PDB file of N, CA and C in Angstrom:
ATOM      1  N   MET A   1      27.224   6.595 -16.852  1.00  0.00           N
ATOM      2  CA  MET A   1      28.495   6.239 -17.458  1.00  0.00           C
ATOM      3  C   MET A   1      29.587   6.268 -16.386  1.00  0.00           C
ATOM      4  N   ASN A   2      30.397   5.248 -16.372  1.00  0.00           N
ATOM      5  CA  ASN A   2      31.549   5.189 -15.472  1.00  0.00           C
ATOM      6  C   ASN A   2      32.762   5.690 -16.240  1.00  0.00           C
ATOM      7  N   GLU A   3      33.136   6.949 -16.025  1.00  0.00           N
ATOM      8  CA  GLU A   3      34.141   7.620 -16.847  1.00  0.00           C
ATOM      9  C   GLU A   3      35.475   6.896 -16.950  1.00  0.00           C
ATOM     10  N   ASN A   4      35.935   6.283 -15.899  1.00  0.00           N
ATOM     11  CA  ASN A   4      37.253   5.651 -15.916  1.00  0.00           C
ATOM     12  C   ASN A   4      37.186   4.130 -15.942  1.00  0.00           C
ATOM     13  N   THR A   5      36.007   3.587 -16.237  1.00  0.00           N
ATOM     14  CA  THR A   5      35.865   2.138 -16.235  1.00  0.00           C
ATOM     15  C   THR A   5      35.843   1.606 -17.656  1.00  0.00           C
ATOM     16  N   VAL A   6      36.713   0.661 -17.910  1.00  0.00           N
ATOM     17  CA  VAL A   6      36.832   0.023 -19.213  1.00  0.00           C
ATOM     18  C   VAL A   6      36.190  -1.357 -19.125  1.00  0.00           C
ATOM     19  N   THR A   7      35.294  -1.647 -20.059  1.00  0.00           N
ATOM     20  CA  THR A   7      34.754  -3.001 -20.164  1.00  0.00           C
ATOM     21  C   THR A   7      35.808  -3.850 -20.855  1.00  0.00           C
ATOM     22  N   VAL A   8      36.214  -4.924 -20.220  1.00  0.00           N
ATOM     23  CA  VAL A   8      37.235  -5.809 -20.769  1.00  0.00           C
ATOM     24  C   VAL A   8      36.579  -7.118 -21.189  1.00  0.00           C
ATOM     25  N   ILE A   9      36.703  -7.430 -22.477  1.00  0.00           N
ATOM     26  CA  ILE A   9      36.217  -8.698 -23.006  1.00  0.00           C
ATOM     27  C   ILE A   9      37.456  -9.459 -23.467  1.00  0.00           C
ATOM     28  N   PRO A  10      37.948 -10.396 -22.649  1.00  0.00           N
ATOM     29  CA  PRO A  10      39.205 -11.073 -22.965  1.00  0.00           C
ATOM     30  C   PRO A  10      39.186 -11.863 -24.267  1.00  0.00           C
ATOM     31  N   GLY A  11      38.020 -12.343 -24.677  1.00  0.00           N
ATOM     32  CA  GLY A  11      37.945 -13.150 -25.885  1.00  0.00           C
ATOM     33  C   GLY A  11      38.334 -14.581 -25.611  1.00  0.00           C
ATOM     34  N   ASP A  12      38.799 -15.261 -26.649  1.00  0.00           N
ATOM     35  CA  ASP A  12      39.190 -16.658 -26.494  1.00  0.00           C
ATOM     36  C   ASP A  12      40.425 -16.910 -27.343  1.00  0.00           C
ATOM     37  N   GLY A  13      40.892 -18.146 -27.356  1.00  0.00           N
ATOM     38  CA  GLY A  13      42.148 -18.435 -28.054  1.00  0.00           C
ATOM     39  C   GLY A  13      43.283 -17.662 -27.402  1.00  0.00           C
ATOM     40  N   ILE A  14      43.986 -16.847 -28.188  1.00  0.00           N
ATOM     41  CA  ILE A  14      45.084 -16.036 -27.643  1.00  0.00           C
ATOM     42  C   ILE A  14      44.588 -14.746 -27.009  1.00  0.00           C
ATOM     43  N   GLY A  15      43.285 -14.455 -27.160  1.00  0.00           N
ATOM     44  CA  GLY A  15      42.710 -13.210 -26.648  1.00  0.00           C
ATOM     45  C   GLY A  15      43.020 -12.923 -25.189  1.00  0.00           C
ATOM     46  N   PRO A  16      42.758 -13.864 -24.274  1.00  0.00           N
ATOM     47  CA  PRO A  16      43.012 -13.583 -22.864  1.00  0.00           C
ATOM     48  C   PRO A  16      44.476 -13.222 -22.571  1.00  0.00           C
ATOM     49  N   ASP A  17      45.414 -13.858 -23.259  1.00  0.00           N
ATOM     50  CA  ASP A  17      46.829 -13.530 -23.039  1.00  0.00           C
ATOM     51  C   ASP A  17      47.139 -12.112 -23.500  1.00  0.00           C
ATOM     52  N   ILE A  18      46.622 -11.734 -24.668  1.00  0.00           N
ATOM     53  CA  ILE A  18      46.855 -10.393 -25.197  1.00  0.00           C
ATOM     54  C   ILE A  18      46.227  -9.345 -24.286  1.00  0.00           C
ATOM     55  N   VAL A  19      44.980  -9.576 -23.901  1.00  0.00           N
ATOM     56  CA  VAL A  19      44.260  -8.609 -23.078  1.00  0.00           C
ATOM     57  C   VAL A  19      44.890  -8.500 -21.695  1.00  0.00           C
ATOM     58  N   ASP A  20      45.304  -9.618 -21.111  1.00  0.00           N
ATOM     59  CA  ASP A  20      45.960  -9.595 -19.809  1.00  0.00           C
ATOM     60  C   ASP A  20      47.223  -8.726 -19.855  1.00  0.00           C
ATOM     61  N   ALA A  21      48.030  -8.905 -20.884  1.00  0.00           N
ATOM     62  CA  ALA A  21      49.255  -8.106 -21.023  1.00  0.00           C
ATOM     63  C   ALA A  21      48.910  -6.631 -21.186  1.00  0.00           C
ATOM     64  N   THR A  22      47.871  -6.337 -21.949  1.00  0.00           N
ATOM     65  CA  THR A  22      47.458  -4.944 -22.163  1.00  0.00           C
ATOM     66  C   THR A  22      46.980  -4.309 -20.861  1.00  0.00           C
ATOM     67  N   VAL A  23      46.188  -5.044 -20.094  1.00  0.00           N
ATOM     68  CA  VAL A  23      45.699  -4.526 -18.806  1.00  0.00           C
ATOM     69  C   VAL A  23      46.879  -4.273 -17.852  1.00  0.00           C
ATOM     70  N   ARG A  24      47.860  -5.176 -17.851  1.00  0.00           N
ATOM     71  CA  ARG A  24      49.042  -4.972 -16.994  1.00  0.00           C
ATOM     72  C   ARG A  24      49.791  -3.707 -17.383  1.00  0.00           C
ATOM     73  N   VAL A  25      49.909  -3.438 -18.682  1.00  0.00           N
ATOM     74  CA  VAL A  25      50.574  -2.210 -19.146  1.00  0.00           C
ATOM     75  C   VAL A  25      49.775  -0.987 -18.697  1.00  0.00           C
ATOM     76  N   LEU A  26      48.459  -1.024 -18.891  1.00  0.00           N
ATOM     77  CA  LEU A  26      47.625   0.111 -18.484  1.00  0.00           C
ATOM     78  C   LEU A  26      47.703   0.342 -16.976  1.00  0.00           C
ATOM     79  N   ASP A  27      47.719  -0.742 -16.199  1.00  0.00           N
ATOM     80  CA  ASP A  27      47.885  -0.609 -14.742  1.00  0.00           C
ATOM     81  C   ASP A  27      49.224   0.025 -14.404  1.00  0.00           C
ATOM     82  N   ALA A  28      50.294  -0.411 -15.080  1.00  0.00           N
ATOM     83  CA  ALA A  28      51.639   0.122 -14.817  1.00  0.00           C
ATOM     84  C   ALA A  28      51.727   1.605 -15.168  1.00  0.00           C
ATOM     85  N   LEU A  29      50.947   2.041 -16.141  1.00  0.00           N
ATOM     86  CA  LEU A  29      50.941   3.451 -16.524  1.00  0.00           C
ATOM     87  C   LEU A  29      50.183   4.316 -15.516  1.00  0.00           C
ATOM     88  N   ASP A  30      49.456   3.675 -14.610  1.00  0.00           N
ATOM     89  CA  ASP A  30      48.716   4.369 -13.552  1.00  0.00           C
ATOM     90  C   ASP A  30      47.810   5.463 -14.126  1.00  0.00           C
ATOM     91  N   CYS A  31      46.998   5.066 -15.089  1.00  0.00           N
ATOM     92  CA  CYS A  31      46.096   6.001 -15.777  1.00  0.00           C
ATOM     93  C   CYS A  31      44.807   6.269 -15.002  1.00  0.00           C
ATOM     94  N   GLY A  32      44.626   5.594 -13.890  1.00  0.00           N
ATOM     95  CA  GLY A  32      43.399   5.765 -13.126  1.00  0.00           C
ATOM     96  C   GLY A  32      42.222   4.988 -13.698  1.00  0.00           C
ATOM     97  N   LEU A  33      42.509   3.993 -14.510  1.00  0.00           N
ATOM     98  CA  LEU A  33      41.446   3.193 -15.102  1.00  0.00           C
ATOM     99  C   LEU A  33      41.016   2.073 -14.172  1.00  0.00           C
ATOM    100  N   LYS A  34      39.724   1.758 -14.236  1.00  0.00           N
ATOM    101  CA  LYS A  34      39.167   0.595 -13.556  1.00  0.00           C
ATOM    102  C   LYS A  34      38.702  -0.354 -14.652  1.00  0.00           C
ATOM    103  N   PHE A  35      38.648  -1.632 -14.341  1.00  0.00           N
ATOM    104  CA  PHE A  35      38.285  -2.626 -15.336  1.00  0.00           C
ATOM    105  C   PHE A  35      37.105  -3.457 -14.862  1.00  0.00           C
ATOM    106  N   GLU A  36      36.132  -3.626 -15.745  1.00  0.00           N
ATOM    107  CA  GLU A  36      34.974  -4.472 -15.481  1.00  0.00           C
ATOM    108  C   GLU A  36      34.935  -5.522 -16.595  1.00  0.00           C
ATOM    109  N   TYR A  37      34.961  -6.776 -16.223  1.00  0.00           N
ATOM    110  CA  TYR A  37      35.082  -7.859 -17.193  1.00  0.00           C
ATOM    111  C   TYR A  37      33.725  -8.368 -17.656  1.00  0.00           C
ATOM    112  N   ALA A  38      33.675  -8.745 -18.939  1.00  0.00           N
ATOM    113  CA  ALA A  38      32.477  -9.323 -19.548  1.00  0.00           C
ATOM    114  C   ALA A  38      32.942 -10.398 -20.539  1.00  0.00           C
ATOM    115  N   ILE A  39      31.992 -11.168 -21.040  1.00  0.00           N
ATOM    116  CA  ILE A  39      32.359 -12.242 -21.969  1.00  0.00           C
ATOM    117  C   ILE A  39      31.536 -12.160 -23.242  1.00  0.00           C
ATOM    118  N   ALA A  40      32.063 -12.792 -24.291  1.00  0.00           N
ATOM    119  CA  ALA A  40      31.356 -12.930 -25.562  1.00  0.00           C
ATOM    120  C   ALA A  40      32.037 -14.045 -26.343  1.00  0.00           C
ATOM    121  N   GLY A  41      31.400 -14.453 -27.429  1.00  0.00           N
ATOM    122  CA  GLY A  41      31.994 -15.459 -28.301  1.00  0.00           C
ATOM    123  C   GLY A  41      31.924 -16.860 -27.718  1.00  0.00           C
ATOM    124  N   GLN A  42      32.920 -17.657 -28.061  1.00  0.00           N
ATOM    125  CA  GLN A  42      32.945 -19.059 -27.640  1.00  0.00           C
ATOM    126  C   GLN A  42      32.918 -19.192 -26.119  1.00  0.00           C
ATOM    127  N   THR A  43      33.560 -18.253 -25.428  1.00  0.00           N
ATOM    128  CA  THR A  43      33.557 -18.278 -23.963  1.00  0.00           C
ATOM    129  C   THR A  43      32.135 -18.204 -23.426  1.00  0.00           C
ATOM    130  N   ALA A  44      31.317 -17.351 -24.021  1.00  0.00           N
ATOM    131  CA  ALA A  44      29.912 -17.238 -23.600  1.00  0.00           C
ATOM    132  C   ALA A  44      29.132 -18.499 -23.961  1.00  0.00           C
ATOM    133  N   LEU A  45      29.347 -19.003 -25.169  1.00  0.00           N
ATOM    134  CA  LEU A  45      28.643 -20.222 -25.582  1.00  0.00           C
ATOM    135  C   LEU A  45      28.977 -21.394 -24.672  1.00  0.00           C
ATOM    136  N   ASP A  46      30.240 -21.509 -24.269  1.00  0.00           N
ATOM    137  CA  ASP A  46      30.656 -22.595 -23.378  1.00  0.00           C
ATOM    138  C   ASP A  46      29.961 -22.532 -22.024  1.00  0.00           C
ATOM    139  N   GLN A  47      29.458 -21.340 -21.664  1.00  0.00           N
ATOM    140  CA  GLN A  47      28.727 -21.184 -20.401  1.00  0.00           C
ATOM    141  C   GLN A  47      27.218 -21.248 -20.603  1.00  0.00           C
ATOM    142  N   GLY A  48      26.799 -21.628 -21.810  1.00  0.00           N
ATOM    143  CA  GLY A  48      25.377 -21.772 -22.101  1.00  0.00           C
ATOM    144  C   GLY A  48      24.671 -20.462 -22.368  1.00  0.00           C
ATOM    145  N   LEU A  49      25.426 -19.427 -22.701  1.00  0.00           N
ATOM    146  CA  LEU A  49      24.854 -18.104 -22.954  1.00  0.00           C
ATOM    147  C   LEU A  49      24.820 -17.811 -24.450  1.00  0.00           C
ATOM    148  N   GLU A  50      24.207 -16.691 -24.798  1.00  0.00           N
ATOM    149  CA  GLU A  50      24.209 -16.222 -26.181  1.00  0.00           C
ATOM    150  C   GLU A  50      25.631 -15.820 -26.577  1.00  0.00           C
ATOM    151  N   LEU A  51      25.886 -15.722 -27.869  1.00  0.00           N
ATOM    152  CA  LEU A  51      27.200 -15.331 -28.378  1.00  0.00           C
ATOM    153  C   LEU A  51      27.620 -13.972 -27.808  1.00  0.00           C
ATOM    154  N   VAL A  52      26.665 -13.037 -27.752  1.00  0.00           N
ATOM    155  CA  VAL A  52      26.892 -11.748 -27.091  1.00  0.00           C
ATOM    156  C   VAL A  52      25.782 -11.600 -26.053  1.00  0.00           C
ATOM    157  N   PRO A  53      26.082 -11.982 -24.808  1.00  0.00           N
ATOM    158  CA  PRO A  53      25.048 -11.957 -23.763  1.00  0.00           C
ATOM    159  C   PRO A  53      24.519 -10.545 -23.489  1.00  0.00           C
ATOM    160  N   GLU A  54      23.253 -10.482 -23.097  1.00  0.00           N
ATOM    161  CA  GLU A  54      22.645  -9.187 -22.751  1.00  0.00           C
ATOM    162  C   GLU A  54      23.423  -8.487 -21.641  1.00  0.00           C
ATOM    163  N   ASP A  55      23.940  -9.252 -20.669  1.00  0.00           N
ATOM    164  CA  ASP A  55      24.731  -8.651 -19.592  1.00  0.00           C
ATOM    165  C   ASP A  55      25.970  -7.948 -20.142  1.00  0.00           C
ATOM    166  N   THR A  56      26.593  -8.537 -21.152  1.00  0.00           N
ATOM    167  CA  THR A  56      27.766  -7.922 -21.775  1.00  0.00           C
ATOM    168  C   THR A  56      27.375  -6.626 -22.465  1.00  0.00           C
ATOM    169  N   LEU A  57      26.274  -6.646 -23.200  1.00  0.00           N
ATOM    170  CA  LEU A  57      25.807  -5.419 -23.856  1.00  0.00           C
ATOM    171  C   LEU A  57      25.486  -4.334 -22.836  1.00  0.00           C
ATOM    172  N   ALA A  58      24.896  -4.713 -21.706  1.00  0.00           N
ATOM    173  CA  ALA A  58      24.559  -3.740 -20.663  1.00  0.00           C
ATOM    174  C   ALA A  58      25.817  -3.098 -20.081  1.00  0.00           C
ATOM    175  N   VAL A  59      26.847  -3.902 -19.835  1.00  0.00           N
ATOM    176  CA  VAL A  59      28.106  -3.367 -19.290  1.00  0.00           C
ATOM    177  C   VAL A  59      28.754  -2.428 -20.303  1.00  0.00           C
ATOM    178  N   LEU A  60      28.744  -2.815 -21.570  1.00  0.00           N
ATOM    179  CA  LEU A  60      29.311  -1.957 -22.615  1.00  0.00           C
ATOM    180  C   LEU A  60      28.550  -0.636 -22.716  1.00  0.00           C
ATOM    181  N   LYS A  61      27.231  -0.706 -22.648  1.00  0.00           N
ATOM    182  CA  LYS A  61      26.418   0.520 -22.714  1.00  0.00           C
ATOM    183  C   LYS A  61      26.711   1.430 -21.524  1.00  0.00           C
ATOM    184  N   ARG A  62      26.879   0.848 -20.365  1.00  0.00           N
ATOM    185  CA  ARG A  62      27.138   1.635 -19.157  1.00  0.00           C
ATOM    186  C   ARG A  62      28.511   2.294 -19.203  1.00  0.00           C
ATOM    187  N   ASN A  63      29.533   1.549 -19.564  1.00  0.00           N
ATOM    188  CA  ASN A  63      30.905   2.069 -19.492  1.00  0.00           C
ATOM    189  C   ASN A  63      31.339   2.847 -20.734  1.00  0.00           C
ATOM    190  N   ARG A  64      30.773   2.519 -21.884  1.00  0.00           N
ATOM    191  CA  ARG A  64      31.034   3.229 -23.146  1.00  0.00           C
ATOM    192  C   ARG A  64      32.492   3.198 -23.590  1.00  0.00           C
ATOM    193  N   LEU A  65      33.249   2.279 -23.058  1.00  0.00           N
ATOM    194  CA  LEU A  65      34.652   2.121 -23.421  1.00  0.00           C
ATOM    195  C   LEU A  65      35.004   0.653 -23.257  1.00  0.00           C
ATOM    196  N   ALA A  66      35.692   0.084 -24.265  1.00  0.00           N
ATOM    197  CA  ALA A  66      35.966  -1.350 -24.194  1.00  0.00           C
ATOM    198  C   ALA A  66      37.361  -1.689 -24.693  1.00  0.00           C
ATOM    199  N   LEU A  67      37.893  -2.752 -24.134  1.00  0.00           N
ATOM    200  CA  LEU A  67      39.115  -3.398 -24.589  1.00  0.00           C
ATOM    201  C   LEU A  67      38.700  -4.828 -24.889  1.00  0.00           C
ATOM    202  N   LYS A  68      38.808  -5.229 -26.181  1.00  0.00           N
ATOM    203  CA  LYS A  68      38.304  -6.534 -26.599  1.00  0.00           C
ATOM    204  C   LYS A  68      39.417  -7.327 -27.261  1.00  0.00           C
ATOM    205  N   GLY A  69      39.597  -8.549 -26.793  1.00  0.00           N
ATOM    206  CA  GLY A  69      40.546  -9.446 -27.426  1.00  0.00           C
ATOM    207  C   GLY A  69      39.911 -10.155 -28.604  1.00  0.00           C
ATOM    208  N   PRO A  70      40.710 -10.919 -29.358  1.00  0.00           N
ATOM    209  CA  PRO A  70      40.150 -11.698 -30.464  1.00  0.00           C
ATOM    210  C   PRO A  70      39.074 -12.659 -29.965  1.00  0.00           C
ATOM    211  N   ILE A  71      37.993 -12.753 -30.729  1.00  0.00           N
ATOM    212  CA  ILE A  71      36.852 -13.572 -30.337  1.00  0.00           C
ATOM    213  C   ILE A  71      36.468 -14.494 -31.484  1.00  0.00           C
ATOM    214  N   THR A  72      36.271 -15.762 -31.169  1.00  0.00           N
ATOM    215  CA  THR A  72      35.849 -16.742 -32.161  1.00  0.00           C
ATOM    216  C   THR A  72      34.344 -16.694 -32.338  1.00  0.00           C
ATOM    217  N   THR A  73      33.913 -16.657 -33.605  1.00  0.00           N
ATOM    218  CA  THR A  73      32.509 -16.839 -33.920  1.00  0.00           C
ATOM    219  C   THR A  73      32.397 -18.221 -34.555  1.00  0.00           C
ATOM    220  N   PRO A  74      31.585 -19.105 -33.993  1.00  0.00           N
ATOM    221  CA  PRO A  74      31.465 -20.458 -34.550  1.00  0.00           C
ATOM    222  C   PRO A  74      31.038 -20.433 -36.018  1.00  0.00           C
ATOM    223  N   VAL A  75      31.576 -21.365 -36.785  1.00  0.00           N
ATOM    224  CA  VAL A  75      31.216 -21.490 -38.190  1.00  0.00           C
ATOM    225  C   VAL A  75      29.897 -22.251 -38.290  1.00  0.00           C
ATOM    226  N   GLY A  76      29.006 -21.756 -39.115  1.00  0.00           N
ATOM    227  CA  GLY A  76      27.714 -22.415 -39.296  1.00  0.00           C
ATOM    228  C   GLY A  76      26.772 -22.113 -38.153  1.00  0.00           C
ATOM    229  N   GLY A  77      25.621 -22.717 -38.198  1.00  0.00           N
ATOM    230  CA  GLY A  77      24.669 -22.566 -37.104  1.00  0.00           C
ATOM    231  C   GLY A  77      23.963 -21.229 -37.058  1.00  0.00           C
ATOM    232  N   GLY A  78      24.149 -20.388 -38.078  1.00  0.00           N
ATOM    233  CA  GLY A  78      23.441 -19.111 -38.126  1.00  0.00           C
ATOM    234  C   GLY A  78      23.959 -18.052 -37.188  1.00  0.00           C
ATOM    235  N   PHE A  79      25.211 -18.182 -36.716  1.00  0.00           N
ATOM    236  CA  PHE A  79      25.770 -17.178 -35.818  1.00  0.00           C
ATOM    237  C   PHE A  79      26.190 -15.940 -36.600  1.00  0.00           C
ATOM    238  N   THR A  80      25.896 -14.773 -36.048  1.00  0.00           N
ATOM    239  CA  THR A  80      26.407 -13.520 -36.584  1.00  0.00           C
ATOM    240  C   THR A  80      27.672 -13.187 -35.823  1.00  0.00           C
ATOM    241  N   SER A  81      28.699 -12.761 -36.519  1.00  0.00           N
ATOM    242  CA  SER A  81      29.973 -12.411 -35.909  1.00  0.00           C
ATOM    243  C   SER A  81      29.780 -11.492 -34.709  1.00  0.00           C
ATOM    244  N   VAL A  82      30.561 -11.738 -33.663  1.00  0.00           N
ATOM    245  CA  VAL A  82      30.527 -10.871 -32.484  1.00  0.00           C
ATOM    246  C   VAL A  82      30.862  -9.449 -32.897  1.00  0.00           C
ATOM    247  N   ASN A  83      31.881  -9.290 -33.730  1.00  0.00           N
ATOM    248  CA  ASN A  83      32.273  -7.948 -34.160  1.00  0.00           C
ATOM    249  C   ASN A  83      31.142  -7.240 -34.897  1.00  0.00           C
ATOM    250  N   VAL A  84      30.463  -7.954 -35.788  1.00  0.00           N
ATOM    251  CA  VAL A  84      29.344  -7.350 -36.519  1.00  0.00           C
ATOM    252  C   VAL A  84      28.228  -6.983 -35.554  1.00  0.00           C
ATOM    253  N   THR A  85      27.932  -7.859 -34.618  1.00  0.00           N
ATOM    254  CA  THR A  85      26.895  -7.568 -33.617  1.00  0.00           C
ATOM    255  C   THR A  85      27.227  -6.297 -32.835  1.00  0.00           C
ATOM    256  N   LEU A  86      28.471  -6.185 -32.374  1.00  0.00           N
ATOM    257  CA  LEU A  86      28.878  -5.000 -31.616  1.00  0.00           C
ATOM    258  C   LEU A  86      28.847  -3.739 -32.480  1.00  0.00           C
ATOM    259  N   ARG A  87      29.322  -3.856 -33.725  1.00  0.00           N
ATOM    260  CA  ARG A  87      29.311  -2.697 -34.626  1.00  0.00           C
ATOM    261  C   ARG A  87      27.896  -2.186 -34.853  1.00  0.00           C
ATOM    262  N   LYS A  88      26.965  -3.112 -35.100  1.00  0.00           N
ATOM    263  CA  LYS A  88      25.583  -2.701 -35.389  1.00  0.00           C
ATOM    264  C   LYS A  88      24.870  -2.215 -34.128  1.00  0.00           C
ATOM    265  N   THR A  89      25.084  -2.892 -33.012  1.00  0.00           N
ATOM    266  CA  THR A  89      24.427  -2.499 -31.759  1.00  0.00           C
ATOM    267  C   THR A  89      24.835  -1.090 -31.339  1.00  0.00           C
ATOM    268  N   PHE A  90      26.109  -0.771 -31.497  1.00  0.00           N
ATOM    269  CA  PHE A  90      26.623   0.514 -31.011  1.00  0.00           C
ATOM    270  C   PHE A  90      26.894   1.512 -32.139  1.00  0.00           C
ATOM    271  N   ASP A  91      26.432   1.193 -33.346  1.00  0.00           N
ATOM    272  CA  ASP A  91      26.588   2.069 -34.511  1.00  0.00           C
ATOM    273  C   ASP A  91      28.058   2.510 -34.675  1.00  0.00           C
ATOM    274  N   LEU A  92      28.938   1.525 -34.608  1.00  0.00           N
ATOM    275  CA  LEU A  92      30.374   1.790 -34.774  1.00  0.00           C
ATOM    276  C   LEU A  92      30.672   1.796 -36.270  1.00  0.00           C
ATOM    277  N   PHE A  93      30.359   2.928 -36.898  1.00  0.00           N
ATOM    278  CA  PHE A  93      30.336   3.002 -38.348  1.00  0.00           C
ATOM    279  C   PHE A  93      31.691   3.158 -39.015  1.00  0.00           C
ATOM    280  N   ALA A  94      32.724   3.501 -38.269  1.00  0.00           N
ATOM    281  CA  ALA A  94      34.017   3.741 -38.906  1.00  0.00           C
ATOM    282  C   ALA A  94      35.137   3.016 -38.181  1.00  0.00           C
ATOM    283  N   ASN A  95      36.004   2.386 -38.961  1.00  0.00           N
ATOM    284  CA  ASN A  95      37.224   1.777 -38.448  1.00  0.00           C
ATOM    285  C   ASN A  95      38.338   2.742 -38.829  1.00  0.00           C
ATOM    286  N   VAL A  96      38.902   3.419 -37.862  1.00  0.00           N
ATOM    287  CA  VAL A  96      39.900   4.463 -38.120  1.00  0.00           C
ATOM    288  C   VAL A  96      41.274   3.926 -37.757  1.00  0.00           C
ATOM    289  N   ARG A  97      42.197   3.935 -38.723  1.00  0.00           N
ATOM    290  CA  ARG A  97      43.542   3.392 -38.528  1.00  0.00           C
ATOM    291  C   ARG A  97      44.596   4.430 -38.900  1.00  0.00           C
ATOM    292  N   PRO A  98      45.088   5.178 -37.920  1.00  0.00           N
ATOM    293  CA  PRO A  98      46.166   6.131 -38.228  1.00  0.00           C
ATOM    294  C   PRO A  98      47.513   5.416 -38.323  1.00  0.00           C
ATOM    295  N   ALA A  99      48.398   5.971 -39.122  1.00  0.00           N
ATOM    296  CA  ALA A  99      49.769   5.458 -39.228  1.00  0.00           C
ATOM    297  C   ALA A  99      50.712   6.654 -39.244  1.00  0.00           C
ATOM    298  N   LEU A 100      51.642   6.668 -38.287  1.00  0.00           N
ATOM    299  CA  LEU A 100      52.590   7.776 -38.161  1.00  0.00           C
ATOM    300  C   LEU A 100      54.005   7.243 -38.065  1.00  0.00           C
ATOM    301  N   SER A 101      54.931   7.965 -38.684  1.00  0.00           N
ATOM    302  CA  SER A 101      56.344   7.651 -38.475  1.00  0.00           C
ATOM    303  C   SER A 101      56.725   8.087 -37.069  1.00  0.00           C
ATOM    304  N   ILE A 102      57.615   7.337 -36.458  1.00  0.00           N
ATOM    305  CA  ILE A 102      58.103   7.685 -35.130  1.00  0.00           C
ATOM    306  C   ILE A 102      59.552   8.147 -35.271  1.00  0.00           C
ATOM    307  N   PRO A 103      59.838   9.396 -34.893  1.00  0.00           N
ATOM    308  CA  PRO A 103      61.210   9.904 -35.024  1.00  0.00           C
ATOM    309  C   PRO A 103      62.202   8.987 -34.302  1.00  0.00           C
ATOM    310  N   GLY A 104      63.296   8.675 -34.970  1.00  0.00           N
ATOM    311  CA  GLY A 104      64.334   7.850 -34.370  1.00  0.00           C
ATOM    312  C   GLY A 104      64.139   6.359 -34.554  1.00  0.00           C
ATOM    313  N   VAL A 105      63.003   5.962 -35.118  1.00  0.00           N
ATOM    314  CA  VAL A 105      62.740   4.543 -35.366  1.00  0.00           C
ATOM    315  C   VAL A 105      62.939   4.283 -36.859  1.00  0.00           C
ATOM    316  N   LYS A 106      63.853   3.364 -37.165  1.00  0.00           N
ATOM    317  CA  LYS A 106      64.153   3.055 -38.551  1.00  0.00           C
ATOM    318  C   LYS A 106      62.963   2.352 -39.202  1.00  0.00           C
ATOM    319  N   SER A 107      62.575   2.836 -40.364  1.00  0.00           N
ATOM    320  CA  SER A 107      61.475   2.234 -41.099  1.00  0.00           C
ATOM    321  C   SER A 107      61.701   2.431 -42.592  1.00  0.00           C
ATOM    322  N   ARG A 108      60.889   1.778 -43.368  1.00  0.00           N
ATOM    323  CA  ARG A 108      61.034   1.868 -44.824  1.00  0.00           C
ATOM    324  C   ARG A 108      60.806   3.292 -45.325  1.00  0.00           C
ATOM    325  N   TYR A 109      59.838   4.007 -44.731  1.00  0.00           N
ATOM    326  CA  TYR A 109      59.487   5.353 -45.174  1.00  0.00           C
ATOM    327  C   TYR A 109      59.564   6.324 -44.004  1.00  0.00           C
ATOM    328  N   ASP A 110      59.986   7.538 -44.280  1.00  0.00           N
ATOM    329  CA  ASP A 110      60.030   8.613 -43.281  1.00  0.00           C
ATOM    330  C   ASP A 110      58.835   9.544 -43.478  1.00  0.00           C
ATOM    331  N   ASN A 111      58.512  10.266 -42.443  1.00  0.00           N
ATOM    332  CA  ASN A 111      57.477  11.306 -42.505  1.00  0.00           C
ATOM    333  C   ASN A 111      56.119  10.785 -42.967  1.00  0.00           C
ATOM    334  N   VAL A 112      55.736   9.622 -42.489  1.00  0.00           N
ATOM    335  CA  VAL A 112      54.423   9.073 -42.810  1.00  0.00           C
ATOM    336  C   VAL A 112      53.411   9.631 -41.814  1.00  0.00           C
ATOM    337  N   ASP A 113      52.305  10.111 -42.332  1.00  0.00           N
ATOM    338  CA  ASP A 113      51.209  10.601 -41.504  1.00  0.00           C
ATOM    339  C   ASP A 113      49.925  10.411 -42.315  1.00  0.00           C
ATOM    340  N   ILE A 114      49.372   9.205 -42.231  1.00  0.00           N
ATOM    341  CA  ILE A 114      48.166   8.902 -42.996  1.00  0.00           C
ATOM    342  C   ILE A 114      47.109   8.280 -42.088  1.00  0.00           C
ATOM    343  N   MET A 115      45.879   8.318 -42.563  1.00  0.00           N
ATOM    344  CA  MET A 115      44.795   7.697 -41.828  1.00  0.00           C
ATOM    345  C   MET A 115      43.893   6.965 -42.821  1.00  0.00           C
ATOM    346  N   THR A 116      43.619   5.703 -42.535  1.00  0.00           N
ATOM    347  CA  THR A 116      42.694   4.920 -43.347  1.00  0.00           C
ATOM    348  C   THR A 116      41.386   4.818 -42.579  1.00  0.00           C
ATOM    349  N   ILE A 117      40.295   5.096 -43.264  1.00  0.00           N
ATOM    350  CA  ILE A 117      38.981   4.998 -42.640  1.00  0.00           C
ATOM    351  C   ILE A 117      38.164   4.017 -43.461  1.00  0.00           C
ATOM    352  N   ARG A 118      37.676   2.970 -42.783  1.00  0.00           N
ATOM    353  CA  ARG A 118      36.862   1.940 -43.437  1.00  0.00           C
ATOM    354  C   ARG A 118      35.467   1.963 -42.845  1.00  0.00           C
ATOM    355  N   GLU A 119      34.471   1.974 -43.717  1.00  0.00           N
ATOM    356  CA  GLU A 119      33.088   1.914 -43.275  1.00  0.00           C
ATOM    357  C   GLU A 119      32.845   0.525 -42.701  1.00  0.00           C
ATOM    358  N   ASN A 120      32.170   0.455 -41.570  1.00  0.00           N
ATOM    359  CA  ASN A 120      32.104  -0.762 -40.764  1.00  0.00           C
ATOM    360  C   ASN A 120      30.793  -1.533 -40.745  1.00  0.00           C
ATOM    361  N   ILE A 121      29.671  -0.917 -41.060  1.00  0.00           N
ATOM    362  CA  ILE A 121      28.409  -1.599 -40.766  1.00  0.00           C
ATOM    363  C   ILE A 121      27.551  -1.919 -41.990  1.00  0.00           C
ATOM    364  N   GLU A 122      27.845  -1.400 -43.117  1.00  0.00           N
ATOM    365  CA  GLU A 122      27.006  -1.647 -44.302  1.00  0.00           C
ATOM    366  C   GLU A 122      27.367  -2.934 -45.006  1.00  0.00           C
ATOM    367  N   GLY A 123      28.640  -3.346 -44.970  1.00  0.00           N
ATOM    368  CA  GLY A 123      29.048  -4.570 -45.646  1.00  0.00           C
ATOM    369  C   GLY A 123      30.010  -4.258 -46.740  1.00  0.00           C
TER     370      GLY A 123
END
């Protein structure tokens, strides 16, 4: 495992722009992170590869940490969603979404501290 290496999957559509901006922020924070890039989705298909190439899975397994942009899964043709493939491959069983109020930031509600947990792999 490469402790400080993040697997970056830029995605497609607006994904590369979002991920590029995120990587620039992380670099500016000087967190000591390194980035190793991989592909999936339409970007992989355009290169004649599988929707989630084995090389991408290997990099994810090695680094155990990922930053993934939005990824298109083609409609029809028997494709399984990239997200579903990643969830099942890595047993990512829970989608955890915390929500906290930020002191000094105006919002509809004050003192919010909740967490939504959604089961990810059963359907």
